Protein backbone atom coordinates (compact mmCIF):
# COMPACT_ATOMS: atom_id res chain seq x y z
CA MET A 1 16.08 -47.76 22.73
CA LEU A 2 12.52 -48.94 23.28
CA ILE A 3 10.89 -46.15 21.29
CA ASP A 4 12.97 -47.06 18.25
CA ALA A 5 11.61 -50.63 18.42
CA LEU A 6 7.99 -49.48 18.70
CA GLU A 7 5.57 -49.29 15.78
CA TRP A 8 2.03 -47.92 15.89
CA LEU A 9 -0.42 -50.06 13.93
CA GLY A 10 -3.23 -47.54 14.19
CA HIS A 11 -5.91 -46.98 16.87
CA SER A 12 -4.54 -48.75 20.00
CA GLY A 13 -2.45 -51.39 18.24
CA PHE A 14 1.33 -51.56 18.56
CA ARG A 15 4.19 -53.86 17.59
CA VAL A 16 7.51 -54.07 19.41
CA ARG A 17 10.59 -55.85 18.13
CA VAL A 18 12.40 -56.61 21.39
CA GLY A 19 16.16 -56.41 21.16
CA GLY A 20 16.34 -55.78 17.43
CA SER A 21 15.49 -57.81 14.34
CA ARG A 22 16.34 -61.17 15.94
CA GLY A 23 14.44 -60.62 19.19
CA PRO A 24 10.86 -61.62 20.00
CA VAL A 25 8.00 -59.75 18.36
CA VAL A 26 5.23 -58.46 20.62
CA TYR A 27 1.84 -57.17 19.50
CA ILE A 28 -0.60 -55.18 21.66
CA ASP A 29 -4.28 -55.00 20.61
CA PRO A 30 -3.74 -55.59 16.89
CA TYR A 31 -6.82 -54.37 15.00
CA ARG A 32 -6.83 -53.97 11.23
CA ALA A 33 -3.08 -54.41 11.57
CA PRO A 34 -0.87 -54.35 8.50
CA ASP A 35 1.04 -57.47 7.60
CA GLY A 36 4.30 -57.95 9.45
CA PRO A 37 6.41 -60.50 11.27
CA LYS A 38 4.62 -63.25 13.12
CA ALA A 39 4.06 -62.67 16.81
CA ASP A 40 5.88 -64.38 19.64
CA LEU A 41 3.55 -62.68 22.12
CA ILE A 42 0.15 -61.01 21.66
CA VAL A 43 -1.48 -59.19 24.56
CA VAL A 44 -5.10 -58.03 24.43
CA THR A 45 -6.53 -55.43 26.78
CA HIS A 46 -10.24 -56.27 26.56
CA GLY A 47 -12.95 -57.74 24.40
CA HIS A 48 -14.26 -54.76 22.45
CA TYR A 49 -13.95 -55.43 18.73
CA ASP A 50 -11.49 -52.60 18.08
CA HIS A 51 -9.04 -54.15 20.56
CA PHE A 52 -9.71 -57.87 20.28
CA SER A 53 -9.77 -58.86 16.63
CA PRO A 54 -9.74 -62.68 16.30
CA GLN A 55 -8.96 -62.32 12.60
CA ASP A 56 -5.84 -60.26 13.30
CA VAL A 57 -4.75 -62.58 16.09
CA GLU A 58 -5.09 -65.62 13.84
CA ARG A 59 -3.24 -63.92 10.97
CA LEU A 60 -0.33 -62.74 13.11
CA ALA A 61 0.09 -65.85 15.28
CA HIS A 62 2.05 -69.05 14.69
CA ALA A 63 1.97 -72.35 16.54
CA ARG A 64 4.18 -71.13 19.41
CA THR A 65 2.67 -67.67 19.81
CA LEU A 66 1.69 -66.92 23.42
CA LEU A 67 -1.62 -65.10 23.83
CA VAL A 68 -2.24 -63.15 27.04
CA ALA A 69 -5.62 -61.59 27.83
CA PRO A 70 -8.22 -61.08 30.58
CA ALA A 71 -10.24 -64.21 31.29
CA VAL A 72 -13.31 -63.20 29.25
CA VAL A 73 -11.09 -62.82 26.18
CA ALA A 74 -8.78 -65.77 26.91
CA GLU A 75 -11.72 -68.17 26.90
CA ARG A 76 -12.40 -67.21 23.27
CA LEU A 77 -8.86 -68.02 22.13
CA SER A 78 -7.10 -71.28 21.33
CA GLY A 79 -3.47 -72.34 21.33
CA ARG A 80 -1.00 -71.16 23.96
CA VAL A 81 -3.28 -68.91 26.03
CA LEU A 82 -2.81 -67.41 29.47
CA SER A 83 -5.43 -65.36 31.31
CA ILE A 84 -4.30 -62.54 33.55
CA ALA A 85 -6.08 -60.21 35.99
CA PRO A 86 -5.29 -56.73 37.31
CA GLY A 87 -2.31 -56.83 39.66
CA GLU A 88 -0.91 -60.09 38.27
CA SER A 89 2.40 -60.56 36.46
CA LEU A 90 3.92 -63.35 34.43
CA LEU A 91 7.19 -64.29 32.78
CA PRO A 92 6.29 -65.77 29.39
CA ASP A 93 7.97 -69.11 28.78
CA GLY A 94 10.56 -68.90 26.05
CA LEU A 95 10.64 -65.09 25.91
CA ARG A 96 13.75 -64.25 27.87
CA GLY A 97 13.81 -60.71 29.19
CA VAL A 98 10.06 -60.14 28.84
CA GLU A 99 7.71 -59.64 31.80
CA VAL A 100 3.99 -58.88 31.50
CA SER A 101 2.12 -57.07 34.27
CA ALA A 102 -1.61 -56.40 34.15
CA ILE A 103 -2.80 -52.94 35.21
CA ALA A 104 -6.46 -52.20 35.82
CA ALA A 105 -8.24 -50.14 33.16
CA TYR A 106 -11.75 -48.77 33.70
CA ASN A 107 -13.96 -45.72 33.40
CA THR A 108 -14.86 -43.39 36.22
CA SER A 109 -16.73 -40.80 34.15
CA LYS A 110 -17.37 -42.19 30.64
CA ARG A 111 -20.90 -43.61 30.58
CA ASP A 112 -23.61 -44.55 28.12
CA GLY A 113 -27.08 -43.05 27.97
CA GLU A 114 -28.26 -45.32 30.78
CA GLY A 115 -25.43 -44.32 33.10
CA ARG A 116 -23.36 -47.49 32.69
CA ALA A 117 -19.60 -47.20 32.39
CA PHE A 118 -18.33 -48.18 28.96
CA HIS A 119 -15.45 -49.99 30.67
CA PRO A 120 -16.63 -51.02 34.15
CA ARG A 121 -14.09 -51.79 36.82
CA GLU A 122 -15.73 -55.12 37.64
CA ALA A 123 -15.12 -56.39 34.09
CA GLY A 124 -11.45 -56.91 34.92
CA TRP A 125 -10.22 -55.28 31.72
CA LEU A 126 -6.63 -54.24 31.42
CA GLY A 127 -3.77 -52.01 30.54
CA TYR A 128 -0.30 -53.55 30.52
CA GLU A 129 3.17 -52.80 31.70
CA LEU A 130 5.67 -54.73 29.62
CA ASN A 131 9.21 -54.95 30.93
CA LEU A 132 11.25 -55.55 27.79
CA ARG A 133 14.85 -56.30 28.68
CA GLY A 134 14.87 -53.66 31.37
CA GLU A 135 12.83 -50.98 29.61
CA ARG A 136 9.26 -50.40 30.76
CA LEU A 137 6.38 -49.86 28.33
CA TYR A 138 2.90 -48.94 29.60
CA HIS A 139 -0.21 -49.34 27.43
CA SER A 140 -3.16 -47.75 29.19
CA GLY A 141 -5.91 -49.75 27.52
CA ASP A 142 -9.32 -48.06 27.56
CA THR A 143 -9.45 -46.16 30.83
CA ASP A 144 -9.85 -42.90 32.66
CA VAL A 145 -7.20 -41.53 35.01
CA ILE A 146 -7.18 -44.03 37.89
CA PRO A 147 -5.02 -44.66 40.99
CA GLU A 148 -3.72 -47.95 39.60
CA MET A 149 -1.65 -45.95 37.13
CA ASP A 150 0.72 -45.12 39.98
CA ALA A 151 2.18 -48.62 39.59
CA VAL A 152 3.82 -47.61 36.30
CA ALA A 153 5.31 -44.30 37.47
CA GLY A 154 8.64 -43.55 35.86
CA CYS A 155 8.15 -45.95 32.94
CA ASP A 156 10.19 -45.39 29.80
CA VAL A 157 7.27 -45.08 27.36
CA ALA A 158 3.57 -44.54 28.13
CA LEU A 159 0.97 -45.18 25.42
CA LEU A 160 -2.05 -43.14 26.48
CA ALA A 161 -5.55 -43.07 24.97
CA VAL A 162 -6.60 -39.49 24.12
CA SER A 163 -9.80 -39.51 22.04
CA GLY A 164 -12.35 -38.96 24.81
CA THR A 165 -15.91 -40.39 24.63
CA TYR A 166 -14.93 -43.89 25.82
CA VAL A 167 -11.46 -43.12 27.19
CA MET A 168 -9.44 -40.20 28.52
CA THR A 169 -9.70 -36.85 26.77
CA ALA A 170 -6.47 -35.16 25.72
CA ALA A 171 -6.52 -33.08 28.90
CA GLU A 172 -7.16 -36.12 31.07
CA ALA A 173 -4.38 -38.04 29.34
CA ALA A 174 -2.07 -35.10 30.07
CA GLU A 175 -3.02 -35.47 33.73
CA ALA A 176 -2.16 -39.18 33.48
CA ALA A 177 1.22 -38.20 32.04
CA ARG A 178 1.80 -35.87 34.98
CA ARG A 179 0.89 -38.68 37.33
CA ILE A 180 3.05 -41.31 35.62
CA ALA A 181 5.95 -39.07 34.55
CA PRO A 182 7.20 -41.32 31.73
CA ARG A 183 10.37 -40.54 29.85
CA LEU A 184 8.23 -40.36 26.70
CA ALA A 185 4.47 -40.26 26.16
CA VAL A 186 2.73 -41.38 22.97
CA PRO A 187 -0.94 -40.55 22.27
CA MET A 188 -3.07 -43.39 20.90
CA HIS A 189 -6.75 -44.30 20.38
CA TRP A 190 -7.13 -41.68 17.66
CA GLY A 191 -7.16 -41.66 13.89
CA GLU A 192 -9.40 -43.59 11.51
CA HIS A 193 -11.73 -45.13 14.11
CA ILE A 194 -12.34 -42.42 16.74
CA GLY A 195 -10.56 -39.25 17.69
CA THR A 196 -8.42 -37.04 15.47
CA ARG A 197 -4.88 -35.78 15.13
CA ALA A 198 -6.14 -32.64 16.86
CA ASP A 199 -6.65 -34.75 20.01
CA ALA A 200 -3.06 -35.99 19.77
CA GLU A 201 -1.78 -32.45 19.24
CA GLU A 202 -3.81 -31.12 22.17
CA PHE A 203 -2.32 -33.84 24.35
CA ALA A 204 1.17 -32.88 23.17
CA ARG A 205 0.46 -29.24 24.05
CA LEU A 206 -0.80 -30.03 27.55
CA ALA A 207 1.37 -32.94 28.66
CA PRO A 208 4.56 -32.41 30.62
CA GLY A 209 7.75 -33.93 29.32
CA GLU A 210 8.49 -35.35 25.91
CA VAL A 211 5.66 -36.43 23.61
CA ARG A 212 5.91 -38.20 20.26
CA ILE A 213 2.97 -38.34 17.86
CA MET A 214 3.54 -41.45 15.79
CA ALA A 215 2.44 -42.22 12.25
CA PRO A 216 0.76 -45.59 11.77
CA VAL A 217 2.85 -48.18 9.97
CA GLY A 218 2.10 -48.32 6.27
CA ARG A 219 -0.18 -45.29 6.35
CA GLY A 220 2.32 -42.41 6.16
């Protein structure tokens, strides 16, 4: 099952071993990631430092690693790089059974002191739906509850930001879970950097359906 192949790296970072120990290794937003197997695919949601860490990307990549990111991030990468925009999908070459779809991610209510959205829609930043050998994984990226989430309704696992301030609060993430109705929801964007376990527990209390609060790899 997909959830059994999923590891939380802390904050919004995840690793998936597709199809077991011999399948491709996928990383999402690795930031201060522990050491692990080299990546076959790395996807980055946007350019904020706690999601796009060039040092982590370099450490986890090898010569054939495919890097997928919005254009403003892709232009800062080297190697096998593909840019992707909201609404686009791609089938990574050499990664049989893996499909990457870009889902919009933006703020509608989270703004700085000058009234500017922390994650503006026009920036083209992303969440992702990854179809991994028939199982669908949604990573929300940094976002509020938005209509574009409807595209991932019924996914197998939804990774939803819950810390508030820059992203959904626990209550808003619970509303996203109602909207998406995943088989399993996992709270993220909490822990050492921003947000607390209390945010994850509040999400678990409010969200419909099954919720799993994960422990970050190597941190207990």
